N, C-alpha and C. Protein backbone atom coordinates (compact mmCIF):
# COMPACT_ATOMS: atom_id res chain seq x y z
N MET A 1 -6.19 5.83 -10.70
CA MET A 1 -5.34 5.02 -9.86
C MET A 1 -6.20 3.90 -9.27
N VAL A 2 -5.79 2.68 -9.50
CA VAL A 2 -6.52 1.52 -9.00
C VAL A 2 -5.56 0.63 -8.22
N TRP A 3 -5.87 0.44 -6.94
CA TRP A 3 -5.06 -0.44 -6.09
C TRP A 3 -5.81 -1.72 -5.85
N THR A 4 -5.08 -2.80 -5.79
CA THR A 4 -5.63 -4.09 -5.38
C THR A 4 -4.72 -4.61 -4.26
N LEU A 5 -5.16 -5.63 -3.56
CA LEU A 5 -4.31 -6.21 -2.52
C LEU A 5 -3.00 -6.72 -3.11
N GLU A 6 -3.09 -7.31 -4.29
CA GLU A 6 -1.88 -7.84 -4.93
C GLU A 6 -0.90 -6.72 -5.25
N LEU A 7 -1.38 -5.62 -5.81
CA LEU A 7 -0.49 -4.50 -6.14
C LEU A 7 0.07 -3.86 -4.88
N ALA A 8 -0.77 -3.64 -3.88
CA ALA A 8 -0.32 -3.01 -2.64
C ALA A 8 0.70 -3.88 -1.92
N SER A 9 0.62 -5.19 -2.09
CA SER A 9 1.55 -6.08 -1.39
C SER A 9 3.00 -5.84 -1.83
N PHE A 10 3.21 -5.27 -2.99
CA PHE A 10 4.57 -4.98 -3.44
C PHE A 10 5.20 -3.84 -2.65
N LEU A 11 4.40 -3.12 -1.87
CA LEU A 11 4.92 -2.03 -1.04
C LEU A 11 4.98 -2.40 0.44
N ASP A 12 4.67 -3.64 0.76
CA ASP A 12 4.68 -4.07 2.17
C ASP A 12 6.01 -3.79 2.86
N ASP A 13 7.09 -4.06 2.17
CA ASP A 13 8.42 -3.91 2.78
C ASP A 13 9.11 -2.62 2.37
N ALA A 14 8.34 -1.66 1.85
CA ALA A 14 8.92 -0.37 1.45
C ALA A 14 9.52 0.33 2.67
N PRO A 15 10.47 1.19 2.44
CA PRO A 15 11.13 1.88 3.56
C PRO A 15 10.27 3.03 4.09
N TRP A 16 9.23 2.69 4.83
CA TRP A 16 8.33 3.71 5.39
C TRP A 16 9.01 4.44 6.52
N PRO A 17 8.80 5.71 6.73
CA PRO A 17 8.09 6.65 5.87
C PRO A 17 8.90 6.95 4.61
N ALA A 18 8.17 7.24 3.53
CA ALA A 18 8.83 7.50 2.25
C ALA A 18 7.97 8.45 1.42
N ASN A 19 8.66 9.27 0.63
CA ASN A 19 7.91 10.16 -0.26
C ASN A 19 7.61 9.44 -1.57
N LYS A 20 6.89 10.10 -2.43
CA LYS A 20 6.47 9.51 -3.70
C LYS A 20 7.66 9.00 -4.51
N PHE A 21 8.71 9.78 -4.60
CA PHE A 21 9.85 9.41 -5.44
C PHE A 21 10.65 8.25 -4.85
N GLU A 22 10.73 8.18 -3.54
CA GLU A 22 11.39 7.05 -2.88
C GLU A 22 10.60 5.76 -3.11
N LEU A 23 9.27 5.86 -3.09
CA LEU A 23 8.43 4.69 -3.32
C LEU A 23 8.54 4.21 -4.77
N ILE A 24 8.59 5.16 -5.71
CA ILE A 24 8.77 4.78 -7.11
C ILE A 24 10.11 4.09 -7.29
N ASP A 25 11.16 4.64 -6.70
CA ASP A 25 12.49 4.04 -6.79
C ASP A 25 12.48 2.64 -6.20
N TYR A 26 11.85 2.48 -5.05
CA TYR A 26 11.77 1.17 -4.41
C TYR A 26 11.02 0.17 -5.31
N ALA A 27 9.91 0.61 -5.88
CA ALA A 27 9.11 -0.27 -6.74
C ALA A 27 9.91 -0.71 -7.96
N VAL A 28 10.66 0.20 -8.55
CA VAL A 28 11.47 -0.13 -9.72
C VAL A 28 12.57 -1.12 -9.34
N ARG A 29 13.26 -0.84 -8.23
CA ARG A 29 14.38 -1.70 -7.80
C ARG A 29 13.93 -3.10 -7.42
N THR A 30 12.72 -3.23 -6.90
CA THR A 30 12.25 -4.55 -6.46
C THR A 30 11.48 -5.30 -7.53
N GLY A 31 11.33 -4.70 -8.71
CA GLY A 31 10.67 -5.38 -9.80
C GLY A 31 9.16 -5.44 -9.69
N ALA A 32 8.57 -4.42 -9.07
CA ALA A 32 7.12 -4.38 -8.95
C ALA A 32 6.50 -4.23 -10.34
N PRO A 33 5.28 -4.71 -10.51
CA PRO A 33 4.61 -4.57 -11.81
C PRO A 33 4.46 -3.10 -12.21
N LYS A 34 4.35 -2.87 -13.49
CA LYS A 34 4.25 -1.49 -13.99
C LYS A 34 3.02 -0.78 -13.44
N GLU A 35 1.97 -1.52 -13.11
CA GLU A 35 0.76 -0.91 -12.56
C GLU A 35 1.05 -0.23 -11.22
N VAL A 36 1.93 -0.82 -10.40
CA VAL A 36 2.31 -0.21 -9.12
C VAL A 36 3.02 1.10 -9.39
N ILE A 37 3.94 1.10 -10.33
CA ILE A 37 4.70 2.31 -10.65
C ILE A 37 3.77 3.38 -11.22
N TYR A 38 2.85 2.99 -12.10
CA TYR A 38 1.89 3.95 -12.66
C TYR A 38 1.03 4.56 -11.55
N ASN A 39 0.58 3.74 -10.61
CA ASN A 39 -0.22 4.24 -9.49
C ASN A 39 0.57 5.24 -8.66
N LEU A 40 1.83 4.93 -8.41
CA LEU A 40 2.67 5.83 -7.62
C LEU A 40 2.93 7.13 -8.37
N GLU A 41 3.18 7.05 -9.66
CA GLU A 41 3.42 8.25 -10.47
C GLU A 41 2.18 9.13 -10.53
N ASP A 42 1.02 8.52 -10.43
CA ASP A 42 -0.25 9.25 -10.51
C ASP A 42 -0.60 9.98 -9.22
N MET A 43 0.13 9.71 -8.14
CA MET A 43 -0.15 10.33 -6.85
C MET A 43 0.25 11.79 -6.86
N GLU A 44 -0.39 12.55 -5.98
CA GLU A 44 -0.07 13.96 -5.81
C GLU A 44 1.30 14.10 -5.14
N ASP A 45 2.06 15.10 -5.59
CA ASP A 45 3.35 15.38 -4.95
C ASP A 45 3.09 16.11 -3.63
N THR A 46 3.65 15.58 -2.56
CA THR A 46 3.52 16.24 -1.26
C THR A 46 4.90 16.34 -0.64
N GLU A 47 5.06 17.31 0.24
CA GLU A 47 6.34 17.46 0.92
C GLU A 47 6.46 16.47 2.08
N GLU A 48 5.32 16.11 2.64
CA GLU A 48 5.31 15.18 3.77
C GLU A 48 5.44 13.74 3.26
N PRO A 49 6.28 12.95 3.90
CA PRO A 49 6.38 11.54 3.49
C PRO A 49 5.13 10.77 3.92
N PHE A 50 4.86 9.69 3.22
CA PHE A 50 3.78 8.80 3.57
C PHE A 50 4.28 7.86 4.66
N GLU A 51 3.47 7.64 5.67
CA GLU A 51 3.86 6.80 6.80
C GLU A 51 3.62 5.32 6.53
N SER A 52 2.64 5.03 5.67
CA SER A 52 2.30 3.63 5.39
C SER A 52 1.41 3.57 4.15
N ILE A 53 1.13 2.36 3.71
CA ILE A 53 0.27 2.16 2.55
C ILE A 53 -1.14 2.70 2.81
N GLU A 54 -1.56 2.74 4.06
CA GLU A 54 -2.90 3.25 4.38
C GLU A 54 -3.07 4.71 4.00
N GLU A 55 -1.97 5.47 3.95
CA GLU A 55 -2.05 6.87 3.55
C GLU A 55 -2.14 7.01 2.03
N ILE A 56 -1.72 6.00 1.32
CA ILE A 56 -1.78 6.02 -0.14
C ILE A 56 -3.11 5.45 -0.62
N TRP A 57 -3.50 4.33 -0.06
CA TRP A 57 -4.75 3.67 -0.42
C TRP A 57 -5.62 3.68 0.83
N LEU A 58 -6.53 4.65 0.89
CA LEU A 58 -7.34 4.85 2.10
C LEU A 58 -8.20 3.65 2.46
N ASP A 59 -8.55 2.83 1.48
CA ASP A 59 -9.38 1.66 1.74
C ASP A 59 -8.56 0.39 1.96
N TYR A 60 -7.27 0.53 2.23
CA TYR A 60 -6.42 -0.63 2.43
C TYR A 60 -6.95 -1.46 3.59
N PRO A 61 -7.22 -2.73 3.37
CA PRO A 61 -7.76 -3.57 4.45
C PRO A 61 -6.74 -3.77 5.57
N THR A 62 -7.19 -3.63 6.77
CA THR A 62 -6.33 -3.84 7.93
C THR A 62 -6.72 -5.15 8.60
N ASP A 63 -5.98 -5.54 9.62
CA ASP A 63 -6.30 -6.76 10.35
C ASP A 63 -7.71 -6.71 10.94
N GLU A 64 -8.15 -5.51 11.32
CA GLU A 64 -9.48 -5.37 11.90
C GLU A 64 -10.57 -5.72 10.89
N ASP A 65 -10.31 -5.50 9.61
CA ASP A 65 -11.29 -5.82 8.58
C ASP A 65 -11.54 -7.32 8.47
N PHE A 66 -10.59 -8.11 8.92
CA PHE A 66 -10.71 -9.55 8.83
C PHE A 66 -11.04 -10.19 10.18
N PHE A 67 -11.31 -9.36 11.19
CA PHE A 67 -11.60 -9.85 12.52
C PHE A 67 -13.01 -10.42 12.57
N TYR A 68 -13.14 -11.52 13.24
CA TYR A 68 -14.46 -12.06 13.51
C TYR A 68 -14.46 -12.60 14.93
N ASP A 69 -15.61 -12.67 15.49
CA ASP A 69 -15.76 -13.09 16.87
C ASP A 69 -15.83 -14.62 16.94
N GLU A 70 -14.74 -15.21 17.41
CA GLU A 70 -14.68 -16.67 17.49
C GLU A 70 -15.65 -17.23 18.51
N GLU A 71 -15.97 -16.46 19.54
CA GLU A 71 -16.84 -16.95 20.58
C GLU A 71 -18.28 -17.12 20.11
N SER A 72 -18.68 -16.36 19.11
CA SER A 72 -20.06 -16.46 18.65
C SER A 72 -20.22 -17.49 17.53
N LYS A 73 -19.17 -18.20 17.21
CA LYS A 73 -19.22 -19.21 16.18
C LYS A 73 -19.98 -20.44 16.68
N ASP A 74 -20.91 -20.91 15.88
CA ASP A 74 -21.65 -22.12 16.22
C ASP A 74 -20.94 -23.33 15.64
N PHE A 75 -20.86 -24.37 16.43
CA PHE A 75 -20.22 -25.60 15.95
C PHE A 75 -21.24 -26.66 15.72
């Protein structure tokens, strides 16, 4: 299973929380690339729904990953 920002972006508006099968259905209905569907199909079946993309792709970049200190910027 390989996630990229581009592939993960197809799940931005998914109906969270959602289980694996709901996410696959959403991806198919919204025309996500086949790689997204393959990644979702490759996931482990769990009874608990996923709350967000961060639970699917543990390395999903968050806003904090792009944070920088504007005050320390030299002009």
